Amino acid sequence: MEKESRDIIEAHKRAIRLVPINWKGRELNIPVYYSMNAAIAYEKAFEETKSYRKSFCTMVLRIINNNKKVIYQEDDFPVLDLDDIEGLSDNDLQKIGEEIIYSSDYLKEFEKEVFEKTDDFFIKFYLIYKKEIEKYKEHMKKIVEQLKPKLDFVDYYKNLLPSIESVSKISNIIETVRLPLIDMANHQNIIDNSVVYGTSCYCK
């Protein structure tokens, strides 16, 4: 188990991309790996602010905080806050966003679909994100359809078994279902290809 954990951490490290940006007059390499956690931060920020740029900056800060300790020693990377990220140029923020998009095959496909809809990168990223959520919902629907007959069976069968056996049955069913992630493709790279240089996502 300990070796598997180390392998996953090392694969995560290899999946992170460093994006150089200008921060307060010096070059800073931002560690970028898009995950479900980052996508959730983006969604929540947009619900609260309705600002495409501010929501994107909130997500970038979450990405940095999620990944900096994997790449850097504590004193090797500055402590950034949202004002720092919002103070970056649009060009640097777009570089980070493009790394997120172009490191994922399905996000690249979504980018092609929205390419001509707007010249504003932050709006474009939002449109890509909405398509990503649609894909996630479709995946969730398939999971529910996969689960339903099994859960119906358990609901019937649990009346015939002691409660501890029912719990065991439900646990076995849950273990047969592969839970979806927004970052499905790249998360799978980390889990299954721990010795191969993966691509950053979440998403993933």
C-alpha atoms as a PDB file:
ATOM      1  CA  MET A   1       0.000   0.000   0.000  1.00  0.00           C
ATOM      2  CA  GLU A   2       2.821   2.408   0.896  1.00  0.00           C
ATOM      3  CA  LYS A   3       4.582   1.739  -2.414  1.00  0.00           C
ATOM      4  CA  GLU A   4       1.337   2.308  -4.340  1.00  0.00           C
ATOM      5  CA  SER A   5       0.854   5.634  -2.558  1.00  0.00           C
ATOM      6  CA  ARG A   6       4.384   6.680  -3.456  1.00  0.00           C
ATOM      7  CA  ASP A   7       3.824   5.659  -7.080  1.00  0.00           C
ATOM      8  CA  ILE A   8       0.655   7.749  -7.287  1.00  0.00           C
ATOM      9  CA  ILE A   9       2.370  10.768  -5.756  1.00  0.00           C
ATOM     10  CA  GLU A  10       5.289  10.444  -8.168  1.00  0.00           C
ATOM     11  CA  ALA A  11       2.921  10.097 -11.122  1.00  0.00           C
ATOM     12  CA  HIS A  12       1.027  13.161  -9.925  1.00  0.00           C
ATOM     13  CA  LYS A  13       4.314  15.048  -9.806  1.00  0.00           C
ATOM     14  CA  ARG A  14       5.154  14.016 -13.361  1.00  0.00           C
ATOM     15  CA  ALA A  15       1.692  15.065 -14.546  1.00  0.00           C
ATOM     16  CA  ILE A  16       2.074  18.625 -13.280  1.00  0.00           C
ATOM     17  CA  ARG A  17       3.112  21.172 -15.895  1.00  0.00           C
ATOM     18  CA  LEU A  18       5.072  24.306 -14.984  1.00  0.00           C
ATOM     19  CA  VAL A  19       3.786  27.433 -16.712  1.00  0.00           C
ATOM     20  CA  PRO A  20       6.117  30.479 -16.563  1.00  0.00           C
ATOM     21  CA  ILE A  21       4.382  33.777 -15.762  1.00  0.00           C
ATOM     22  CA  ASN A  22       5.485  37.250 -14.699  1.00  0.00           C
ATOM     23  CA  TRP A  23       4.793  37.937 -11.026  1.00  0.00           C
ATOM     24  CA  LYS A  24       5.964  41.234  -9.557  1.00  0.00           C
ATOM     25  CA  GLY A  25       8.701  41.560 -12.144  1.00  0.00           C
ATOM     26  CA  ARG A  26      10.138  38.075 -11.835  1.00  0.00           C
ATOM     27  CA  GLU A  27       9.449  34.791 -13.544  1.00  0.00           C
ATOM     28  CA  LEU A  28       7.417  32.332 -11.525  1.00  0.00           C
ATOM     29  CA  ASN A  29       6.665  28.788 -12.677  1.00  0.00           C
ATOM     30  CA  ILE A  30       3.068  27.970 -11.837  1.00  0.00           C
ATOM     31  CA  PRO A  31       2.390  24.246 -11.169  1.00  0.00           C
ATOM     32  CA  VAL A  32      -0.672  23.323 -13.205  1.00  0.00           C
ATOM     33  CA  TYR A  33      -2.709  20.170 -12.905  1.00  0.00           C
ATOM     34  CA  TYR A  34      -6.483  20.435 -13.416  1.00  0.00           C
ATOM     35  CA  SER A  35      -8.615  18.283 -11.144  1.00  0.00           C
ATOM     36  CA  MET A  36     -12.182  17.901  -9.923  1.00  0.00           C
ATOM     37  CA  ASN A  37     -11.266  19.997  -6.890  1.00  0.00           C
ATOM     38  CA  ALA A  38     -10.250  22.867  -9.153  1.00  0.00           C
ATOM     39  CA  ALA A  39     -13.402  22.534 -11.251  1.00  0.00           C
ATOM     40  CA  ILE A  40     -15.560  22.692  -8.120  1.00  0.00           C
ATOM     41  CA  ALA A  41     -13.730  25.839  -6.979  1.00  0.00           C
ATOM     42  CA  TYR A  42     -14.391  27.391 -10.399  1.00  0.00           C
ATOM     43  CA  GLU A  43     -18.080  26.552 -10.330  1.00  0.00           C
ATOM     44  CA  LYS A  44     -18.567  27.861  -6.800  1.00  0.00           C
ATOM     45  CA  ALA A  45     -16.703  31.079  -7.576  1.00  0.00           C
ATOM     46  CA  PHE A  46     -18.802  31.718 -10.675  1.00  0.00           C
ATOM     47  CA  GLU A  47     -22.031  31.136  -8.758  1.00  0.00           C
ATOM     48  CA  GLU A  48     -20.908  33.720  -6.200  1.00  0.00           C
ATOM     49  CA  THR A  49     -19.361  36.360  -8.476  1.00  0.00           C
ATOM     50  CA  LYS A  50     -20.799  35.860 -11.983  1.00  0.00           C
ATOM     51  CA  SER A  51     -17.373  37.042 -13.149  1.00  0.00           C
ATOM     52  CA  TYR A  52     -15.592  34.948 -15.759  1.00  0.00           C
ATOM     53  CA  ARG A  53     -12.155  36.335 -14.948  1.00  0.00           C
ATOM     54  CA  LYS A  54     -12.445  36.333 -11.150  1.00  0.00           C
ATOM     55  CA  SER A  55     -13.797  32.768 -11.192  1.00  0.00           C
ATOM     56  CA  PHE A  56     -10.900  31.693 -13.358  1.00  0.00           C
ATOM     57  CA  CYS A  57      -8.416  33.361 -10.981  1.00  0.00           C
ATOM     58  CA  THR A  58     -10.035  31.610  -8.008  1.00  0.00           C
ATOM     59  CA  MET A  59      -9.585  28.282  -9.775  1.00  0.00           C
ATOM     60  CA  VAL A  60      -5.959  29.051 -10.616  1.00  0.00           C
ATOM     61  CA  LEU A  61      -5.237  29.820  -6.968  1.00  0.00           C
ATOM     62  CA  ARG A  62      -6.796  26.487  -5.978  1.00  0.00           C
ATOM     63  CA  ILE A  63      -4.684  24.693  -8.597  1.00  0.00           C
ATOM     64  CA  ILE A  64      -1.528  26.327  -7.261  1.00  0.00           C
ATOM     65  CA  ASN A  65      -2.331  25.449  -3.652  1.00  0.00           C
ATOM     66  CA  ASN A  66      -3.199  21.878  -4.637  1.00  0.00           C
ATOM     67  CA  ASN A  67       0.057  21.274  -6.474  1.00  0.00           C
ATOM     68  CA  LYS A  68       2.836  23.507  -5.183  1.00  0.00           C
ATOM     69  CA  LYS A  69       3.807  21.200  -2.317  1.00  0.00           C
ATOM     70  CA  VAL A  70       4.191  18.322  -4.775  1.00  0.00           C
ATOM     71  CA  ILE A  71       6.778  20.269  -6.781  1.00  0.00           C
ATOM     72  CA  TYR A  72       8.341  22.779  -4.427  1.00  0.00           C
ATOM     73  CA  GLN A  73       9.851  22.866  -0.970  1.00  0.00           C
ATOM     74  CA  GLU A  74       7.950  25.150   1.389  1.00  0.00           C
ATOM     75  CA  ASP A  75      10.308  28.120   1.043  1.00  0.00           C
ATOM     76  CA  ASP A  76      10.822  27.755  -2.712  1.00  0.00           C
ATOM     77  CA  PHE A  77       7.427  29.112  -3.754  1.00  0.00           C
ATOM     78  CA  PRO A  78       5.757  32.318  -2.520  1.00  0.00           C
ATOM     79  CA  VAL A  79       2.454  32.351  -0.648  1.00  0.00           C
ATOM     80  CA  LEU A  80      -0.043  33.793  -3.107  1.00  0.00           C
ATOM     81  CA  ASP A  81      -3.528  35.120  -2.518  1.00  0.00           C
ATOM     82  CA  LEU A  82      -6.390  35.938  -4.873  1.00  0.00           C
ATOM     83  CA  ASP A  83      -5.189  39.529  -5.336  1.00  0.00           C
ATOM     84  CA  ASP A  84      -1.864  38.171  -6.619  1.00  0.00           C
ATOM     85  CA  ILE A  85      -3.609  36.015  -9.197  1.00  0.00           C
ATOM     86  CA  GLU A  86      -6.008  38.746 -10.272  1.00  0.00           C
ATOM     87  CA  GLY A  87      -2.989  41.016 -10.694  1.00  0.00           C
ATOM     88  CA  LEU A  88      -1.501  38.754 -13.359  1.00  0.00           C
ATOM     89  CA  SER A  89      -1.835  39.855 -16.955  1.00  0.00           C
ATOM     90  CA  ASP A  90      -4.601  38.390 -19.098  1.00  0.00           C
ATOM     91  CA  ASN A  91      -1.879  36.930 -21.300  1.00  0.00           C
ATOM     92  CA  ASP A  92      -0.319  34.997 -18.400  1.00  0.00           C
ATOM     93  CA  LEU A  93      -3.709  33.785 -17.176  1.00  0.00           C
ATOM     94  CA  GLN A  94      -4.509  32.638 -20.706  1.00  0.00           C
ATOM     95  CA  LYS A  95      -1.224  30.687 -20.813  1.00  0.00           C
ATOM     96  CA  ILE A  96      -2.349  28.811 -17.689  1.00  0.00           C
ATOM     97  CA  GLY A  97      -5.796  28.205 -19.152  1.00  0.00           C
ATOM     98  CA  GLU A  98      -4.407  26.946 -22.430  1.00  0.00           C
ATOM     99  CA  GLU A  99      -2.182  24.493 -20.565  1.00  0.00           C
ATOM    100  CA  ILE A 100      -5.306  23.151 -18.844  1.00  0.00           C
ATOM    101  CA  ILE A 101      -7.218  22.868 -22.116  1.00  0.00           C
ATOM    102  CA  TYR A 102      -4.491  21.505 -24.400  1.00  0.00           C
ATOM    103  CA  SER A 103      -3.353  18.862 -21.933  1.00  0.00           C
ATOM    104  CA  SER A 104      -6.751  17.149 -22.162  1.00  0.00           C
ATOM    105  CA  ASP A 105      -7.995  15.561 -25.382  1.00  0.00           C
ATOM    106  CA  TYR A 106     -11.650  16.072 -24.593  1.00  0.00           C
ATOM    107  CA  LEU A 107     -11.184  19.687 -23.437  1.00  0.00           C
ATOM    108  CA  LYS A 108      -9.393  20.343 -26.729  1.00  0.00           C
ATOM    109  CA  GLU A 109     -12.427  19.015 -28.565  1.00  0.00           C
ATOM    110  CA  PHE A 110     -14.697  21.317 -26.553  1.00  0.00           C
ATOM    111  CA  GLU A 111     -12.375  24.228 -27.363  1.00  0.00           C
ATOM    112  CA  LYS A 112     -12.865  23.570 -31.074  1.00  0.00           C
ATOM    113  CA  GLU A 113     -16.634  23.671 -30.584  1.00  0.00           C
ATOM    114  CA  VAL A 114     -16.616  27.102 -28.900  1.00  0.00           C
ATOM    115  CA  PHE A 115     -13.664  28.605 -30.796  1.00  0.00           C
ATOM    116  CA  GLU A 116     -15.730  31.001 -32.935  1.00  0.00           C
ATOM    117  CA  LYS A 117     -18.286  31.930 -30.277  1.00  0.00           C
ATOM    118  CA  THR A 118     -16.174  34.562 -28.504  1.00  0.00           C
ATOM    119  CA  ASP A 119     -12.771  36.220 -28.543  1.00  0.00           C
ATOM    120  CA  ASP A 120     -12.769  36.604 -24.758  1.00  0.00           C
ATOM    121  CA  PHE A 121     -10.669  33.784 -23.331  1.00  0.00           C
ATOM    122  CA  PHE A 122     -12.386  33.803 -19.934  1.00  0.00           C
ATOM    123  CA  ILE A 123     -15.830  33.442 -21.510  1.00  0.00           C
ATOM    124  CA  LYS A 124     -14.441  30.726 -23.778  1.00  0.00           C
ATOM    125  CA  PHE A 125     -13.105  28.816 -20.784  1.00  0.00           C
ATOM    126  CA  TYR A 126     -16.528  29.045 -19.136  1.00  0.00           C
ATOM    127  CA  LEU A 127     -18.195  27.607 -22.245  1.00  0.00           C
ATOM    128  CA  ILE A 128     -15.668  24.758 -22.287  1.00  0.00           C
ATOM    129  CA  TYR A 129     -16.361  24.140 -18.613  1.00  0.00           C
ATOM    130  CA  LYS A 130     -20.123  23.961 -19.260  1.00  0.00           C
ATOM    131  CA  LYS A 131     -19.544  21.339 -21.939  1.00  0.00           C
ATOM    132  CA  GLU A 132     -17.323  19.446 -19.515  1.00  0.00           C
ATOM    133  CA  ILE A 133     -20.156  19.426 -16.955  1.00  0.00           C
ATOM    134  CA  GLU A 134     -22.566  18.120 -19.585  1.00  0.00           C
ATOM    135  CA  LYS A 135     -20.160  15.266 -20.283  1.00  0.00           C
ATOM    136  CA  TYR A 136     -19.879  14.577 -16.565  1.00  0.00           C
ATOM    137  CA  LYS A 137     -23.671  14.475 -16.187  1.00  0.00           C
ATOM    138  CA  GLU A 138     -23.938  12.026 -19.081  1.00  0.00           C
ATOM    139  CA  HIS A 139     -21.342   9.835 -17.377  1.00  0.00           C
ATOM    140  CA  MET A 140     -23.239  10.060 -14.079  1.00  0.00           C
ATOM    141  CA  LYS A 141     -26.447   9.046 -15.822  1.00  0.00           C
ATOM    142  CA  LYS A 142     -24.749   5.927 -17.168  1.00  0.00           C
ATOM    143  CA  ILE A 143     -23.484   5.107 -13.673  1.00  0.00           C
ATOM    144  CA  VAL A 144     -26.984   5.463 -12.227  1.00  0.00           C
ATOM    145  CA  GLU A 145     -28.406   3.236 -14.962  1.00  0.00           C
ATOM    146  CA  GLN A 146     -25.683   0.698 -14.209  1.00  0.00           C
ATOM    147  CA  LEU A 147     -26.426   0.822 -10.494  1.00  0.00           C
ATOM    148  CA  LYS A 148     -30.209   0.768 -10.588  1.00  0.00           C
ATOM    149  CA  PRO A 149     -30.866  -2.934 -11.234  1.00  0.00           C
ATOM    150  CA  LYS A 150     -28.259  -3.892  -8.650  1.00  0.00           C
ATOM    151  CA  LEU A 151     -29.688  -1.539  -6.043  1.00  0.00           C
ATOM    152  CA  ASP A 152     -33.213  -2.753  -6.790  1.00  0.00           C
ATOM    153  CA  PHE A 153     -31.984  -6.278  -6.155  1.00  0.00           C
ATOM    154  CA  VAL A 154     -30.348  -5.259  -2.898  1.00  0.00           C
ATOM    155  CA  ASP A 155     -33.500  -3.458  -1.780  1.00  0.00           C
ATOM    156  CA  TYR A 156     -35.427  -6.700  -2.259  1.00  0.00           C
ATOM    157  CA  TYR A 157     -32.732  -9.014  -0.943  1.00  0.00           C
ATOM    158  CA  LYS A 158     -31.932  -7.044   2.210  1.00  0.00           C
ATOM    159  CA  ASN A 159     -35.286  -8.100   3.658  1.00  0.00           C
ATOM    160  CA  LEU A 160     -34.077 -11.689   3.582  1.00  0.00           C
ATOM    161  CA  LEU A 161     -30.667 -11.131   5.133  1.00  0.00           C
ATOM    162  CA  PRO A 162     -29.375  -9.926   8.489  1.00  0.00           C
ATOM    163  CA  SER A 163     -28.405  -6.261   8.312  1.00  0.00           C
ATOM    164  CA  ILE A 164     -24.663  -6.924   8.378  1.00  0.00           C
ATOM    165  CA  GLU A 165     -24.961  -9.096   5.291  1.00  0.00           C
ATOM    166  CA  SER A 166     -26.950  -6.369   3.531  1.00  0.00           C
ATOM    167  CA  VAL A 167     -24.205  -3.881   4.195  1.00  0.00           C
ATOM    168  CA  SER A 168     -21.695  -6.338   2.786  1.00  0.00           C
ATOM    169  CA  LYS A 169     -23.772  -6.756  -0.374  1.00  0.00           C
ATOM    170  CA  ILE A 170     -24.070  -3.006  -0.894  1.00  0.00           C
ATOM    171  CA  SER A 171     -20.327  -2.549  -0.353  1.00  0.00           C
ATOM    172  CA  ASN A 172     -19.582  -5.182  -2.985  1.00  0.00           C
ATOM    173  CA  ILE A 173     -21.857  -3.435  -5.465  1.00  0.00           C
ATOM    174  CA  ILE A 174     -20.267  -0.063  -4.860  1.00  0.00           C
ATOM    175  CA  GLU A 175     -16.830  -1.572  -5.447  1.00  0.00           C
ATOM    176  CA  THR A 176     -17.925  -2.738  -8.914  1.00  0.00           C
ATOM    177  CA  VAL A 177     -18.773   0.786 -10.024  1.00  0.00           C
ATOM    178  CA  ARG A 178     -16.049   3.080 -11.234  1.00  0.00           C
ATOM    179  CA  LEU A 179     -16.821   6.506  -9.820  1.00  0.00           C
ATOM    180  CA  PRO A 180     -16.620   9.326 -12.362  1.00  0.00           C
ATOM    181  CA  LEU A 181     -14.271  12.281 -12.152  1.00  0.00           C
ATOM    182  CA  ILE A 182     -14.328  15.482 -14.124  1.00  0.00           C
ATOM    183  CA  ASP A 183     -10.642  14.798 -14.604  1.00  0.00           C
ATOM    184  CA  MET A 184     -11.353  11.274 -15.884  1.00  0.00           C
ATOM    185  CA  ALA A 185      -8.674  10.844 -18.536  1.00  0.00           C
ATOM    186  CA  ASN A 186      -5.729  12.244 -16.627  1.00  0.00           C
ATOM    187  CA  HIS A 187      -6.746  10.816 -13.277  1.00  0.00           C
ATOM    188  CA  GLN A 188      -6.644   7.427 -14.984  1.00  0.00           C
ATOM    189  CA  ASN A 189      -3.118   8.192 -16.195  1.00  0.00           C
ATOM    190  CA  ILE A 190      -2.033   8.722 -12.594  1.00  0.00           C
ATOM    191  CA  ILE A 191      -3.648   5.538 -11.302  1.00  0.00           C
ATOM    192  CA  ASP A 192      -2.841   3.185 -14.172  1.00  0.00           C
ATOM    193  CA  ASN A 193       0.370   4.599 -15.594  1.00  0.00           C
ATOM    194  CA  SER A 194       2.350   5.511 -12.523  1.00  0.00           C
ATOM    195  CA  VAL A 195       5.655   4.941 -14.295  1.00  0.00           C
ATOM    196  CA  VAL A 196       4.720   6.780 -17.495  1.00  0.00           C
ATOM    197  CA  TYR A 197       4.921  10.532 -17.886  1.00  0.00           C
ATOM    198  CA  GLY A 198       1.235  11.524 -17.753  1.00  0.00           C
ATOM    199  CA  THR A 199      -0.559  14.566 -19.106  1.00  0.00           C
ATOM    200  CA  SER A 200      -2.043  17.229 -16.926  1.00  0.00           C
ATOM    201  CA  CYS A 201      -5.765  17.626 -17.113  1.00  0.00           C
ATOM    202  CA  TYR A 202      -9.554  17.787 -14.436  1.00  0.00           C
ATOM    203  CA  CYS A 203     -10.658  17.978 -14.397  1.00  0.00           C
ATOM    204  CA  LYS A 204     -10.227  16.606 -14.643  1.00  0.00           C
END
